[in-house]
Protein backbone atom coordinates (compact mmCIF):
# COMPACT_ATOMS: atom_id res chain seq x y z
CA MET A 1 127.07 133.06 122.70
CA PRO A 2 124.19 131.62 124.71
CA ARG A 3 120.94 133.58 124.56
CA VAL A 4 120.63 133.47 128.36
CA LEU A 5 123.82 135.50 128.68
CA GLN A 6 122.67 137.99 126.07
CA LYS A 7 119.37 138.49 127.89
CA ALA A 8 121.13 138.96 131.23
CA THR A 9 123.37 141.72 129.86
CA PRO A 10 122.28 145.21 131.00
CA PRO A 11 121.16 147.62 128.26
CA GLY A 12 124.04 149.49 126.65
CA TYR A 13 126.65 146.88 127.54
CA THR A 14 128.35 144.44 125.21
CA LEU A 15 129.08 140.92 126.32
CA THR A 16 132.12 139.14 124.95
CA ILE A 17 133.64 135.79 125.75
CA THR A 18 137.40 135.31 125.94
CA GLY A 19 139.61 132.33 126.35
CA PHE A 20 142.02 130.07 124.53
CA ALA A 21 139.39 128.89 122.04
CA GLN A 22 138.64 132.50 121.06
CA LEU A 23 142.34 133.18 120.63
CA LEU A 24 142.63 130.18 118.34
CA SER A 25 139.65 131.30 116.29
CA ASN A 26 141.67 134.36 115.26
CA ALA A 27 144.91 132.43 115.01
CA GLY A 28 146.97 131.81 111.98
CA PRO A 29 149.93 133.27 110.22
CA ASN A 30 149.36 136.97 109.87
CA ARG A 31 152.85 137.84 108.70
CA ALA A 32 152.06 141.47 107.92
CA ASN A 33 151.16 142.19 111.56
CA MET A 34 154.15 140.23 112.81
CA LEU A 35 156.49 142.13 110.51
CA GLN A 36 154.96 145.45 111.53
CA GLY A 37 155.27 144.51 115.20
CA MET A 38 158.86 143.45 114.70
CA MET A 39 159.69 146.73 112.95
CA ILE A 40 158.02 148.79 115.68
CA GLY A 41 159.84 146.81 118.38
CA ALA A 42 163.17 147.16 116.59
CA GLY A 43 162.61 150.88 116.13
CA LEU A 44 161.80 151.42 119.79
CA ALA A 45 164.74 149.25 120.79
CA PHE A 46 167.01 151.33 118.55
CA LEU A 47 165.73 154.52 120.18
CA ALA A 48 166.41 153.16 123.68
CA LEU A 49 169.84 151.88 122.68
CA PHE A 50 170.67 155.16 120.97
CA LEU A 51 169.96 156.92 124.27
CA VAL A 52 172.22 154.45 126.11
CA TYR A 53 175.08 154.36 123.59
CA GLY A 54 174.79 157.94 122.37
CA SER A 55 175.78 156.96 118.83
CA PRO A 56 174.40 155.21 115.75
CA ILE A 57 176.32 152.07 116.77
CA ALA A 58 173.11 151.27 118.64
CA VAL A 59 171.85 149.62 115.47
CA LEU A 60 174.42 146.82 115.89
CA PRO A 61 172.45 144.72 118.43
CA ILE A 62 169.41 144.89 116.18
CA VAL A 63 171.49 143.82 113.19
CA MET A 64 172.85 140.97 115.32
CA ALA A 65 169.29 139.84 116.09
CA ILE A 66 168.43 139.35 112.41
CA PRO A 67 170.55 136.19 111.89
CA ALA A 68 169.34 134.88 115.25
CA ILE A 69 165.73 135.30 114.12
CA CYS A 70 166.39 133.63 110.77
CA VAL A 71 168.25 130.64 112.23
CA THR A 72 165.62 130.14 114.92
CA PHE A 73 162.84 130.24 112.32
CA LEU A 74 164.70 127.55 110.37
CA CYS A 75 164.91 125.40 113.52
CA VAL A 76 161.20 125.91 114.21
CA GLN A 77 160.42 125.00 110.59
CA GLY A 78 162.25 121.71 111.08
CA LEU A 79 160.39 121.13 114.34
CA THR A 80 157.05 121.49 112.58
CA HIS A 81 157.78 118.29 110.67
CA VAL A 82 158.06 116.39 113.94
CA ALA A 83 155.46 118.07 116.16
CA GLY A 84 152.75 120.68 116.09
CA VAL A 85 153.93 124.19 116.83
CA SER A 86 151.71 127.03 118.03
CA TYR A 87 151.55 130.25 116.07
CA PHE A 88 152.74 132.04 119.23
CA VAL A 89 156.20 130.62 118.57
CA GLU A 90 156.80 133.06 115.72
CA TYR A 91 156.18 136.03 118.00
CA MET A 92 158.30 134.52 120.77
CA VAL A 93 161.19 133.95 118.37
CA VAL A 94 161.19 137.60 117.35
CA LEU A 95 160.81 138.95 120.88
CA LEU A 96 163.40 136.67 122.46
CA SER A 97 165.95 137.17 119.68
CA LEU A 98 165.68 140.94 119.88
CA GLY A 99 165.68 140.89 123.68
CA MET A 100 168.68 138.63 124.06
CA SER A 101 170.82 140.46 121.51
CA ILE A 102 170.02 143.80 123.14
CA ASP A 103 170.64 142.42 126.63
CA PHE A 104 173.99 140.91 125.67
CA SER A 105 175.12 144.12 123.97
CA LEU A 106 174.20 146.16 127.04
CA ILE A 107 176.20 143.80 129.25
CA VAL A 108 179.23 144.20 126.99
CA VAL A 109 178.93 148.00 126.93
CA VAL A 110 178.56 148.27 130.71
CA ARG A 111 181.58 146.04 131.24
CA TRP A 112 183.57 147.98 128.63
CA ARG A 113 182.80 151.23 130.44
CA GLU A 114 183.87 149.65 133.75
CA GLU A 115 187.17 148.50 132.24
CA ARG A 116 187.78 151.95 130.75
CA LEU A 117 187.16 153.52 134.17
CA LYS A 118 189.79 151.18 135.60
CA GLY A 119 192.26 152.82 133.21
CA LEU A 120 192.56 150.21 130.46
CA ASP A 121 193.06 151.25 126.86
CA ASN A 122 190.27 150.62 124.39
CA GLU A 123 191.37 147.28 122.88
CA PRO A 124 192.16 145.50 126.17
CA ALA A 125 188.90 146.88 127.61
CA VAL A 126 186.96 145.40 124.71
CA GLY A 127 188.63 142.01 125.24
CA PHE A 128 187.97 141.96 128.97
CA SER A 129 184.38 143.13 128.55
CA ILE A 130 183.56 140.42 126.01
CA GLU A 131 185.22 137.72 128.14
CA GLY A 132 183.38 138.97 131.23
CA ALA A 133 180.04 139.09 129.46
CA ARG A 134 180.54 135.58 128.09
CA ASP A 135 181.40 134.31 131.59
CA ALA A 136 178.35 136.08 133.05
CA GLN A 137 176.14 134.43 130.44
CA TRP A 138 176.97 130.94 131.77
CA ARG A 139 176.54 131.74 135.46
């Protein structure tokens, strides 16, 4: 940090510099923090889904996210042999995989509830809700 900036700082205040270069200086694979963050996010997601579903079946979207995370990490690993990949990608993979699996499961549950309110039995309601959610995904 330039001495001029340090001298211009009022007494009792701390001056820090932020930016992309400072982010990169602390960059690197810190897998322990990523794993902890993923576990905290999955735990909070489970709590929210448990409140929506009202049953332990809420763990299913999180279980569905695990293969998505693994496959995406494999794809990113292959991409690193062709191009440089930022360390942010690991965090984005985890967040997007969890988010999309939770979002898709909520769409299916909402559509299933709608079909049940229309008077359909359980199995046809499941079929219509999955077909409707799949169609909504491509719109």
